[in-house]
Amino acid sequence: RGFKHSTNDYSLFYKKQGESSVFVAVYVDDV
């Protein structure tokens, strides 16, 4: 979907395109 994982915490993913930003934090099966 175009997301990348954070290099500072692999449980954090983000997708940035221009002014759009979406973040996903994962802890096992809770998101």
ModelCIF file with pLDDT and N, C-alpha, C, O atoms, coordinates in Angstrom:
data_MODEL
#
_entry.id   MODEL 
#
_entity.id                         1 
_entity.type                       polymer 
_entity.pdbx_number_of_molecules   1 
#
_entity_poly.entity_id                      1 
_entity_poly.type                           'polypeptide(L)' 
_entity_poly.nstd_linkage                   no 
_entity_poly.nstd_monomer                   no 
_entity_poly.pdbx_seq_one_letter_code       RGFKHSTNDYSLFYKKQGESSVFVAVYVDDV 
_entity_poly.pdbx_seq_one_letter_code_can   RGFKHSTNDYSLFYKKQGESSVFVAVYVDDV 
_entity_poly.pdbx_strand_id                 A 
#
loop_
_entity_poly_seq.entity_id 
_entity_poly_seq.num 
_entity_poly_seq.mon_id 
_entity_poly_seq.hetero 
1 1  ARG n 
1 2  GLY n 
1 3  PHE n 
1 4  LYS n 
1 5  HIS n 
1 6  SER n 
1 7  THR n 
1 8  ASN n 
1 9  ASP n 
1 10 TYR n 
1 11 SER n 
1 12 LEU n 
1 13 PHE n 
1 14 TYR n 
1 15 LYS n 
1 16 LYS n 
1 17 GLN n 
1 18 GLY n 
1 19 GLU n 
1 20 SER n 
1 21 SER n 
1 22 VAL n 
1 23 PHE n 
1 24 VAL n 
1 25 ALA n 
1 26 VAL n 
1 27 TYR n 
1 28 VAL n 
1 29 ASP n 
1 30 ASP n 
1 31 VAL n 
#
_struct_asym.id          A 
_struct_asym.entity_id   1 
#
loop_
_ma_qa_metric.id 
_ma_qa_metric.mode 
_ma_qa_metric.name 
_ma_qa_metric.software_group_id 
_ma_qa_metric.type 
1 global pLDDT . pLDDT 
2 local  pLDDT . pLDDT 
#
_ma_qa_metric_global.metric_id      1 
_ma_qa_metric_global.metric_value   91.84 
_ma_qa_metric_global.model_id       1 
_ma_qa_metric_global.ordinal_id     1 
#
loop_
_ma_qa_metric_local.label_asym_id 
_ma_qa_metric_local.label_comp_id 
_ma_qa_metric_local.label_seq_id 
_ma_qa_metric_local.metric_id 
_ma_qa_metric_local.metric_value 
_ma_qa_metric_local.model_id 
_ma_qa_metric_local.ordinal_id 
A ARG 1  2 92.00 1 1  
A GLY 2  2 93.00 1 2  
A PHE 3  2 94.00 1 3  
A LYS 4  2 94.00 1 4  
A HIS 5  2 91.00 1 5  
A SER 6  2 92.00 1 6  
A THR 7  2 91.00 1 7  
A ASN 8  2 93.00 1 8  
A ASP 9  2 92.00 1 9  
A TYR 10 2 91.00 1 10 
A SER 11 2 92.00 1 11 
A LEU 12 2 95.00 1 12 
A PHE 13 2 96.00 1 13 
A TYR 14 2 95.00 1 14 
A LYS 15 2 95.00 1 15 
A LYS 16 2 93.00 1 16 
A GLN 17 2 90.00 1 17 
A GLY 18 2 88.00 1 18 
A GLU 19 2 89.00 1 19 
A SER 20 2 92.00 1 20 
A SER 21 2 94.00 1 21 
A VAL 22 2 95.00 1 22 
A PHE 23 2 96.00 1 23 
A VAL 24 2 95.00 1 24 
A ALA 25 2 95.00 1 25 
A VAL 26 2 92.00 1 26 
A TYR 27 2 88.00 1 27 
A VAL 28 2 82.00 1 28 
A ASP 29 2 81.00 1 29 
A ASP 30 2 89.00 1 30 
A VAL 31 2 92.00 1 31 
#
loop_
_atom_site.group_PDB 
_atom_site.id 
_atom_site.type_symbol 
_atom_site.label_atom_id 
_atom_site.label_alt_id 
_atom_site.label_comp_id 
_atom_site.label_asym_id 
_atom_site.label_entity_id 
_atom_site.label_seq_id 
_atom_site.pdbx_PDB_ins_code 
_atom_site.Cartn_x 
_atom_site.Cartn_y 
_atom_site.Cartn_z 
_atom_site.occupancy 
_atom_site.B_iso_or_equiv 
_atom_site.pdbx_formal_charge 
_atom_site.auth_seq_id 
_atom_site.auth_comp_id 
_atom_site.auth_asym_id 
_atom_site.auth_atom_id 
_atom_site.pdbx_PDB_model_num 
ATOM 1   N N  . ARG A 1 1  ? 0.822  -1.217 0.000  1.00 92.00 ? 1  ARG A N  1 
ATOM 2   C CA . ARG A 1 1  ? 0.000  0.000  0.000  1.00 92.00 ? 1  ARG A CA 1 
ATOM 3   C C  . ARG A 1 1  ? 0.853  1.263  0.000  1.00 92.00 ? 1  ARG A C  1 
ATOM 4   O O  . ARG A 1 1  ? 0.324  2.371  0.088  1.00 92.00 ? 1  ARG A O  1 
ATOM 5   N N  . GLY A 1 2  ? 2.167  1.101  -0.098 1.00 93.00 ? 2  GLY A N  1 
ATOM 6   C CA . GLY A 1 2  ? 3.048  2.261  -0.140 1.00 93.00 ? 2  GLY A CA 1 
ATOM 7   C C  . GLY A 1 2  ? 3.576  2.696  1.205  1.00 93.00 ? 2  GLY A C  1 
ATOM 8   O O  . GLY A 1 2  ? 4.182  3.762  1.312  1.00 93.00 ? 2  GLY A O  1 
ATOM 9   N N  . PHE A 1 3  ? 3.361  1.898  2.237  1.00 94.00 ? 3  PHE A N  1 
ATOM 10  C CA . PHE A 1 3  ? 3.856  2.245  3.570  1.00 94.00 ? 3  PHE A CA 1 
ATOM 11  C C  . PHE A 1 3  ? 5.318  1.842  3.718  1.00 94.00 ? 3  PHE A C  1 
ATOM 12  O O  . PHE A 1 3  ? 5.804  0.937  3.039  1.00 94.00 ? 3  PHE A O  1 
ATOM 13  N N  . LYS A 1 4  ? 6.004  2.531  4.617  1.00 94.00 ? 4  LYS A N  1 
ATOM 14  C CA . LYS A 1 4  ? 7.375  2.207  4.986  1.00 94.00 ? 4  LYS A CA 1 
ATOM 15  C C  . LYS A 1 4  ? 7.416  2.021  6.490  1.00 94.00 ? 4  LYS A C  1 
ATOM 16  O O  . LYS A 1 4  ? 6.624  2.612  7.223  1.00 94.00 ? 4  LYS A O  1 
ATOM 17  N N  . HIS A 1 5  ? 8.359  1.182  6.947  1.00 91.00 ? 5  HIS A N  1 
ATOM 18  C CA . HIS A 1 5  ? 8.489  1.041  8.398  1.00 91.00 ? 5  HIS A CA 1 
ATOM 19  C C  . HIS A 1 5  ? 9.482  2.068  8.935  1.00 91.00 ? 5  HIS A C  1 
ATOM 20  O O  . HIS A 1 5  ? 10.441 2.440  8.258  1.00 91.00 ? 5  HIS A O  1 
ATOM 21  N N  . SER A 1 6  ? 9.241  2.505  10.126 1.00 92.00 ? 6  SER A N  1 
ATOM 22  C CA . SER A 1 6  ? 10.128 3.463  10.767 1.00 92.00 ? 6  SER A CA 1 
ATOM 23  C C  . SER A 1 6  ? 11.464 2.799  11.070 1.00 92.00 ? 6  SER A C  1 
ATOM 24  O O  . SER A 1 6  ? 11.510 1.647  11.500 1.00 92.00 ? 6  SER A O  1 
ATOM 25  N N  . THR A 1 7  ? 12.546 3.527  10.846 1.00 91.00 ? 7  THR A N  1 
ATOM 26  C CA . THR A 1 7  ? 13.866 2.998  11.182 1.00 91.00 ? 7  THR A CA 1 
ATOM 27  C C  . THR A 1 7  ? 14.154 3.126  12.676 1.00 91.00 ? 7  THR A C  1 
ATOM 28  O O  . THR A 1 7  ? 15.123 2.552  13.175 1.00 91.00 ? 7  THR A O  1 
ATOM 29  N N  . ASN A 1 8  ? 13.318 3.875  13.388 1.00 93.00 ? 8  ASN A N  1 
ATOM 30  C CA . ASN A 1 8  ? 13.513 4.051  14.828 1.00 93.00 ? 8  ASN A CA 1 
ATOM 31  C C  . ASN A 1 8  ? 12.695 3.063  15.648 1.00 93.00 ? 8  ASN A C  1 
ATOM 32  O O  . ASN A 1 8  ? 13.038 2.777  16.795 1.00 93.00 ? 8  ASN A O  1 
ATOM 33  N N  . ASP A 1 9  ? 11.616 2.537  15.071 1.00 92.00 ? 9  ASP A N  1 
ATOM 34  C CA . ASP A 1 9  ? 10.793 1.537  15.738 1.00 92.00 ? 9  ASP A CA 1 
ATOM 35  C C  . ASP A 1 9  ? 10.064 0.755  14.655 1.00 92.00 ? 9  ASP A C  1 
ATOM 36  O O  . ASP A 1 9  ? 9.208  1.301  13.959 1.00 92.00 ? 9  ASP A O  1 
ATOM 37  N N  . TYR A 1 10 ? 10.400 -0.515 14.513 1.00 91.00 ? 10 TYR A N  1 
ATOM 38  C CA . TYR A 1 10 ? 9.854  -1.313 13.417 1.00 91.00 ? 10 TYR A CA 1 
ATOM 39  C C  . TYR A 1 10 ? 8.375  -1.639 13.602 1.00 91.00 ? 10 TYR A C  1 
ATOM 40  O O  . TYR A 1 10 ? 7.755  -2.218 12.709 1.00 91.00 ? 10 TYR A O  1 
ATOM 41  N N  . SER A 1 11 ? 7.800  -1.271 14.758 1.00 92.00 ? 11 SER A N  1 
ATOM 42  C CA . SER A 1 11 ? 6.367  -1.465 14.942 1.00 92.00 ? 11 SER A CA 1 
ATOM 43  C C  . SER A 1 11 ? 5.564  -0.272 14.435 1.00 92.00 ? 11 SER A C  1 
ATOM 44  O O  . SER A 1 11 ? 4.335  -0.274 14.517 1.00 92.00 ? 11 SER A O  1 
ATOM 45  N N  . LEU A 1 12 ? 6.243  0.746  13.913 1.00 95.00 ? 12 LEU A N  1 
ATOM 46  C CA . LEU A 1 12 ? 5.578  1.940  13.392 1.00 95.00 ? 12 LEU A CA 1 
ATOM 47  C C  . LEU A 1 12 ? 5.762  2.002  11.878 1.00 95.00 ? 12 LEU A C  1 
ATOM 48  O O  . LEU A 1 12 ? 6.881  1.882  11.381 1.00 95.00 ? 12 LEU A O  1 
ATOM 49  N N  . PHE A 1 13 ? 4.651  2.190  11.137 1.00 96.00 ? 13 PHE A N  1 
ATOM 50  C CA . PHE A 1 13 ? 4.670  2.321  9.684  1.00 96.00 ? 13 PHE A CA 1 
ATOM 51  C C  . PHE A 1 13 ? 4.068  3.675  9.314  1.00 96.00 ? 13 PHE A C  1 
ATOM 52  O O  . PHE A 1 13 ? 3.229  4.209  10.038 1.00 96.00 ? 13 PHE A O  1 
ATOM 53  N N  . TYR A 1 14 ? 4.505  4.222  8.181  1.00 95.00 ? 14 TYR A N  1 
ATOM 54  C CA . TYR A 1 14 ? 3.957  5.506  7.748  1.00 95.00 ? 14 TYR A CA 1 
ATOM 55  C C  . TYR A 1 14 ? 3.922  5.579  6.224  1.00 95.00 ? 14 TYR A C  1 
ATOM 56  O O  . TYR A 1 14 ? 4.670  4.899  5.522  1.00 95.00 ? 14 TYR A O  1 
ATOM 57  N N  . LYS A 1 15 ? 3.013  6.438  5.743  1.00 95.00 ? 15 LYS A N  1 
ATOM 58  C CA . LYS A 1 15 ? 2.896  6.711  4.317  1.00 95.00 ? 15 LYS A CA 1 
ATOM 59  C C  . LYS A 1 15 ? 2.723  8.218  4.150  1.00 95.00 ? 15 LYS A C  1 
ATOM 60  O O  . LYS A 1 15 ? 1.751  8.798  4.635  1.00 95.00 ? 15 LYS A O  1 
ATOM 61  N N  . LYS A 1 16 ? 3.668  8.839  3.465  1.00 93.00 ? 16 LYS A N  1 
ATOM 62  C CA . LYS A 1 16 ? 3.654  10.290 3.286  1.00 93.00 ? 16 LYS A CA 1 
ATOM 63  C C  . LYS A 1 16 ? 3.671  10.619 1.801  1.00 93.00 ? 16 LYS A C  1 
ATOM 64  O O  . LYS A 1 16 ? 4.547  10.171 1.062  1.00 93.00 ? 16 LYS A O  1 
ATOM 65  N N  . GLN A 1 17 ? 2.700  11.402 1.380  1.00 90.00 ? 17 GLN A N  1 
ATOM 66  C CA . GLN A 1 17 ? 2.616  11.871 -0.004 1.00 90.00 ? 17 GLN A CA 1 
ATOM 67  C C  . GLN A 1 17 ? 2.143  13.319 0.007  1.00 90.00 ? 17 GLN A C  1 
ATOM 68  O O  . GLN A 1 17 ? 0.961  13.600 0.206  1.00 90.00 ? 17 GLN A O  1 
ATOM 69  N N  . GLY A 1 18 ? 3.077  14.225 -0.208 1.00 88.00 ? 18 GLY A N  1 
ATOM 70  C CA . GLY A 1 18 ? 2.713  15.635 -0.164 1.00 88.00 ? 18 GLY A CA 1 
ATOM 71  C C  . GLY A 1 18 ? 2.241  16.038 1.218  1.00 88.00 ? 18 GLY A C  1 
ATOM 72  O O  . GLY A 1 18 ? 2.953  15.870 2.208  1.00 88.00 ? 18 GLY A O  1 
ATOM 73  N N  . GLU A 1 19 ? 1.018  16.578 1.274  1.00 89.00 ? 19 GLU A N  1 
ATOM 74  C CA . GLU A 1 19 ? 0.438  16.992 2.552  1.00 89.00 ? 19 GLU A CA 1 
ATOM 75  C C  . GLU A 1 19 ? -0.242 15.839 3.285  1.00 89.00 ? 19 GLU A C  1 
ATOM 76  O O  . GLU A 1 19 ? -0.673 15.992 4.428  1.00 89.00 ? 19 GLU A O  1 
ATOM 77  N N  . SER A 1 20 ? -0.335 14.691 2.628  1.00 92.00 ? 20 SER A N  1 
ATOM 78  C CA . SER A 1 20 ? -1.010 13.533 3.235  1.00 92.00 ? 20 SER A CA 1 
ATOM 79  C C  . SER A 1 20 ? -0.018 12.690 4.034  1.00 92.00 ? 20 SER A C  1 
ATOM 80  O O  . SER A 1 20 ? 1.074  12.376 3.562  1.00 92.00 ? 20 SER A O  1 
ATOM 81  N N  . SER A 1 21 ? -0.423 12.330 5.256  1.00 94.00 ? 21 SER A N  1 
ATOM 82  C CA . SER A 1 21 ? 0.396  11.479 6.124  1.00 94.00 ? 21 SER A CA 1 
ATOM 83  C C  . SER A 1 21 ? -0.511 10.531 6.898  1.00 94.00 ? 21 SER A C  1 
ATOM 84  O O  . SER A 1 21 ? -1.504 10.951 7.492  1.00 94.00 ? 21 SER A O  1 
ATOM 85  N N  . VAL A 1 22 ? -0.162 9.256  6.884  1.00 95.00 ? 22 VAL A N  1 
ATOM 86  C CA . VAL A 1 22 ? -0.911 8.254  7.641  1.00 95.00 ? 22 VAL A CA 1 
ATOM 87  C C  . VAL A 1 22 ? 0.101  7.407  8.412  1.00 95.00 ? 22 VAL A C  1 
ATOM 88  O O  . VAL A 1 22 ? 1.123  6.995  7.863  1.00 95.00 ? 22 VAL A O  1 
ATOM 89  N N  . PHE A 1 23 ? -0.196 7.150  9.698  1.00 96.00 ? 23 PHE A N  1 
ATOM 90  C CA . PHE A 1 23 ? 0.703  6.378  10.558 1.00 96.00 ? 23 PHE A CA 1 
ATOM 91  C C  . PHE A 1 23 ? -0.037 5.165  11.114 1.00 96.00 ? 23 PHE A C  1 
ATOM 92  O O  . PHE A 1 23 ? -1.215 5.236  11.463 1.00 96.00 ? 23 PHE A O  1 
ATOM 93  N N  . VAL A 1 24 ? 0.690  4.053  11.184 1.00 95.00 ? 24 VAL A N  1 
ATOM 94  C CA . VAL A 1 24 ? 0.128  2.803  11.705 1.00 95.00 ? 24 VAL A CA 1 
ATOM 95  C C  . VAL A 1 24 ? 1.086  2.269  12.759 1.00 95.00 ? 24 VAL A C  1 
ATOM 96  O O  . VAL A 1 24 ? 2.251  1.999  12.468 1.00 95.00 ? 24 VAL A O  1 
ATOM 97  N N  . ALA A 1 25 ? 0.590  2.119  13.987 1.00 95.00 ? 25 ALA A N  1 
ATOM 98  C CA . ALA A 1 25 ? 1.377  1.533  15.074 1.00 95.00 ? 25 ALA A CA 1 
ATOM 99  C C  . ALA A 1 25 ? 0.813  0.158  15.391 1.00 95.00 ? 25 ALA A C  1 
ATOM 100 O O  . ALA A 1 25 ? -0.395 0.007  15.576 1.00 95.00 ? 25 ALA A O  1 
ATOM 101 N N  . VAL A 1 26 ? 1.681  -0.845 15.454 1.00 92.00 ? 26 VAL A N  1 
ATOM 102 C CA . VAL A 1 26 ? 1.247  -2.235 15.606 1.00 92.00 ? 26 VAL A CA 1 
ATOM 103 C C  . VAL A 1 26 ? 1.835  -2.826 16.880 1.00 92.00 ? 26 VAL A C  1 
ATOM 104 O O  . VAL A 1 26 ? 3.038  -2.722 17.120 1.00 92.00 ? 26 VAL A O  1 
ATOM 105 N N  . TYR A 1 27 ? 0.995  -3.441 17.688 1.00 88.00 ? 27 TYR A N  1 
ATOM 106 C CA . TYR A 1 27 ? 1.459  -4.229 18.833 1.00 88.00 ? 27 TYR A CA 1 
ATOM 107 C C  . TYR A 1 27 ? 0.745  -5.577 18.764 1.00 88.00 ? 27 TYR A C  1 
ATOM 108 O O  . TYR A 1 27 ? -0.397 -5.713 19.204 1.00 88.00 ? 27 TYR A O  1 
ATOM 109 N N  . VAL A 1 28 ? 1.433  -6.563 18.207 1.00 82.00 ? 28 VAL A N  1 
ATOM 110 C CA . VAL A 1 28 ? 0.893  -7.905 17.949 1.00 82.00 ? 28 VAL A CA 1 
ATOM 111 C C  . VAL A 1 28 ? -0.341 -7.780 17.048 1.00 82.00 ? 28 VAL A C  1 
ATOM 112 O O  . VAL A 1 28 ? -0.188 -7.537 15.851 1.00 82.00 ? 28 VAL A O  1 
ATOM 113 N N  . ASP A 1 29 ? -1.555 -7.936 17.583 1.00 81.00 ? 29 ASP A N  1 
ATOM 114 C CA . ASP A 1 29 ? -2.749 -7.867 16.730 1.00 81.00 ? 29 ASP A CA 1 
ATOM 115 C C  . ASP A 1 29 ? -3.573 -6.609 16.996 1.00 81.00 ? 29 ASP A C  1 
ATOM 116 O O  . ASP A 1 29 ? -4.676 -6.474 16.466 1.00 81.00 ? 29 ASP A O  1 
ATOM 117 N N  . ASP A 1 30 ? -3.059 -5.695 17.803 1.00 89.00 ? 30 ASP A N  1 
ATOM 118 C CA . ASP A 1 30 ? -3.723 -4.416 18.046 1.00 89.00 ? 30 ASP A CA 1 
ATOM 119 C C  . ASP A 1 30 ? -3.050 -3.335 17.218 1.00 89.00 ? 30 ASP A C  1 
ATOM 120 O O  . ASP A 1 30 ? -1.824 -3.232 17.191 1.00 89.00 ? 30 ASP A O  1 
ATOM 121 N N  . VAL A 1 31 ? -3.869 -2.526 16.537 1.00 92.00 ? 31 VAL A N  1 
ATOM 122 C CA . VAL A 1 31 ? -3.339 -1.559 15.578 1.00 92.00 ? 31 VAL A CA 1 
ATOM 123 C C  . VAL A 1 31 ? -3.954 -0.185 15.847 1.00 92.00 ? 31 VAL A C  1 
ATOM 124 O O  . VAL A 1 31 ? -3.641 0.779  15.149 1.00 92.00 ? 31 VAL A O  1 
#
